[in-house]
Amino acid sequence: MHRILMLALISVNLGLINLLPIPVLDGGHILFSLLEIITFRRIPPRLHEIVTLASGVLLLAFMLFVLVNDVRGIPLIRSLFRQETVV
């Protein structure tokens, strides 16, 4: 039962993160659609491409940053990179 609740929590969390208004995610597509509805104009494809590419790069950079910090927190990895002076 505990595993099912954890799986449900992860699933809901992933769904909410996917709705963030970042153009690479679904929330970004919703945001672009709302902007088109409000302004009654289509967003230029080149602008859409540039914003999506930039936000994708930033999202990947953030994920890499989080991954590196998580790996550095593992005790075995931390001990490998610890600088100890031997005299």
C-alpha atoms as a PDB file:
ATOM      1  CA  MET A   1       0.000   0.000   0.000  1.00  0.00           C
ATOM      2  CA  HIS A   2       2.848   2.382   0.851  1.00  0.00           C
ATOM      3  CA  ARG A   3       4.434   1.866  -2.579  1.00  0.00           C
ATOM      4  CA  ILE A   4       1.182   2.656  -4.372  1.00  0.00           C
ATOM      5  CA  LEU A   5       0.839   5.927  -2.444  1.00  0.00           C
ATOM      6  CA  MET A   6       4.430   6.871  -3.280  1.00  0.00           C
ATOM      7  CA  LEU A   7       3.824   6.080  -6.953  1.00  0.00           C
ATOM      8  CA  ALA A   8       0.669   8.215  -6.898  1.00  0.00           C
ATOM      9  CA  LEU A   9       2.551  11.091  -5.257  1.00  0.00           C
ATOM     10  CA  ILE A  10       5.313  10.956  -7.875  1.00  0.00           C
ATOM     11  CA  SER A  11       2.743  10.831 -10.674  1.00  0.00           C
ATOM     12  CA  VAL A  12       0.816  13.846  -9.376  1.00  0.00           C
ATOM     13  CA  ASN A  13       4.060  15.758  -8.797  1.00  0.00           C
ATOM     14  CA  LEU A  14       5.226  15.065 -12.357  1.00  0.00           C
ATOM     15  CA  GLY A  15       1.857  16.182 -13.712  1.00  0.00           C
ATOM     16  CA  LEU A  16       1.994  19.464 -11.802  1.00  0.00           C
ATOM     17  CA  ILE A  17       5.567  20.165 -12.875  1.00  0.00           C
ATOM     18  CA  ASN A  18       4.558  19.501 -16.487  1.00  0.00           C
ATOM     19  CA  LEU A  19       1.964  22.293 -16.186  1.00  0.00           C
ATOM     20  CA  LEU A  20       4.576  24.946 -15.337  1.00  0.00           C
ATOM     21  CA  PRO A  21       4.503  27.744 -17.946  1.00  0.00           C
ATOM     22  CA  ILE A  22       7.865  26.824 -19.439  1.00  0.00           C
ATOM     23  CA  PRO A  23       7.594  26.661 -23.258  1.00  0.00           C
ATOM     24  CA  VAL A  24       9.106  23.171 -23.528  1.00  0.00           C
ATOM     25  CA  LEU A  25       6.498  21.725 -21.169  1.00  0.00           C
ATOM     26  CA  ASP A  26       2.738  21.413 -21.698  1.00  0.00           C
ATOM     27  CA  GLY A  27       2.120  24.493 -19.561  1.00  0.00           C
ATOM     28  CA  GLY A  28       4.162  26.498 -22.051  1.00  0.00           C
ATOM     29  CA  HIS A  29       1.971  25.330 -24.913  1.00  0.00           C
ATOM     30  CA  ILE A  30      -1.084  26.352 -22.905  1.00  0.00           C
ATOM     31  CA  LEU A  31       0.541  29.758 -22.238  1.00  0.00           C
ATOM     32  CA  PHE A  32       1.262  30.311 -25.948  1.00  0.00           C
ATOM     33  CA  SER A  33      -2.323  29.339 -26.798  1.00  0.00           C
ATOM     34  CA  LEU A  34      -3.696  31.769 -24.205  1.00  0.00           C
ATOM     35  CA  LEU A  35      -1.485  34.549 -25.578  1.00  0.00           C
ATOM     36  CA  GLU A  36      -2.815  33.873 -29.082  1.00  0.00           C
ATOM     37  CA  ILE A  37      -6.408  33.929 -27.813  1.00  0.00           C
ATOM     38  CA  ILE A  38      -5.874  37.192 -25.889  1.00  0.00           C
ATOM     39  CA  THR A  39      -4.033  39.037 -28.685  1.00  0.00           C
ATOM     40  CA  PHE A  40      -6.065  37.529 -31.576  1.00  0.00           C
ATOM     41  CA  ARG A  41      -2.746  36.990 -33.406  1.00  0.00           C
ATOM     42  CA  ARG A  42      -0.529  33.994 -33.965  1.00  0.00           C
ATOM     43  CA  ILE A  43       2.893  34.056 -32.379  1.00  0.00           C
ATOM     44  CA  PRO A  44       5.548  34.185 -35.119  1.00  0.00           C
ATOM     45  CA  PRO A  45       7.009  30.695 -35.649  1.00  0.00           C
ATOM     46  CA  ARG A  46      10.586  31.981 -35.399  1.00  0.00           C
ATOM     47  CA  LEU A  47       9.897  33.617 -32.014  1.00  0.00           C
ATOM     48  CA  HIS A  48       8.157  30.453 -30.812  1.00  0.00           C
ATOM     49  CA  GLU A  49      11.164  28.389 -31.916  1.00  0.00           C
ATOM     50  CA  ILE A  50      13.710  30.676 -30.223  1.00  0.00           C
ATOM     51  CA  VAL A  51      11.806  30.830 -26.921  1.00  0.00           C
ATOM     52  CA  THR A  52      11.240  27.065 -26.908  1.00  0.00           C
ATOM     53  CA  LEU A  53      14.890  26.316 -27.681  1.00  0.00           C
ATOM     54  CA  ALA A  54      16.171  28.738 -25.036  1.00  0.00           C
ATOM     55  CA  SER A  55      13.853  27.382 -22.355  1.00  0.00           C
ATOM     56  CA  GLY A  56      14.793  23.814 -23.285  1.00  0.00           C
ATOM     57  CA  VAL A  57      18.478  24.595 -22.900  1.00  0.00           C
ATOM     58  CA  LEU A  58      17.852  26.300 -19.539  1.00  0.00           C
ATOM     59  CA  LEU A  59      15.745  23.371 -18.334  1.00  0.00           C
ATOM     60  CA  LEU A  60      18.435  20.861 -19.335  1.00  0.00           C
ATOM     61  CA  ALA A  61      21.121  22.986 -17.653  1.00  0.00           C
ATOM     62  CA  PHE A  62      19.060  23.096 -14.454  1.00  0.00           C
ATOM     63  CA  MET A  63      18.557  19.316 -14.544  1.00  0.00           C
ATOM     64  CA  LEU A  64      22.305  18.804 -15.012  1.00  0.00           C
ATOM     65  CA  PHE A  65      23.009  21.155 -12.079  1.00  0.00           C
ATOM     66  CA  VAL A  66      20.628  19.204  -9.835  1.00  0.00           C
ATOM     67  CA  LEU A  67      22.096  15.870 -10.962  1.00  0.00           C
ATOM     68  CA  VAL A  68      25.671  16.962 -10.268  1.00  0.00           C
ATOM     69  CA  ASN A  69      24.742  18.230  -6.805  1.00  0.00           C
ATOM     70  CA  ASP A  70      22.884  15.008  -6.016  1.00  0.00           C
ATOM     71  CA  VAL A  71      25.799  12.839  -7.133  1.00  0.00           C
ATOM     72  CA  ARG A  72      28.264  14.950  -5.149  1.00  0.00           C
ATOM     73  CA  GLY A  73      26.179  14.239  -2.030  1.00  0.00           C
ATOM     74  CA  ILE A  74      26.732  10.463  -2.253  1.00  0.00           C
ATOM     75  CA  PRO A  75      29.317   9.573   0.429  1.00  0.00           C
ATOM     76  CA  LEU A  76      31.337   7.241  -1.829  1.00  0.00           C
ATOM     77  CA  ILE A  77      31.614   9.864  -4.579  1.00  0.00           C
ATOM     78  CA  ARG A  78      32.370  12.592  -2.048  1.00  0.00           C
ATOM     79  CA  SER A  79      35.248  10.580  -0.591  1.00  0.00           C
ATOM     80  CA  LEU A  80      36.755  10.073  -4.055  1.00  0.00           C
ATOM     81  CA  PHE A  81      36.995  13.810  -4.685  1.00  0.00           C
ATOM     82  CA  ARG A  82      38.072  14.871  -1.197  1.00  0.00           C
ATOM     83  CA  GLN A  83      41.465  16.535  -1.231  1.00  0.00           C
ATOM     84  CA  GLU A  84      43.676  15.281   1.541  1.00  0.00           C
ATOM     85  CA  THR A  85      47.236  16.456   1.841  1.00  0.00           C
ATOM     86  CA  VAL A  86      49.822  13.796   2.575  1.00  0.00           C
ATOM     87  CA  VAL A  87      53.075  15.040   4.088  1.00  0.00           C
END
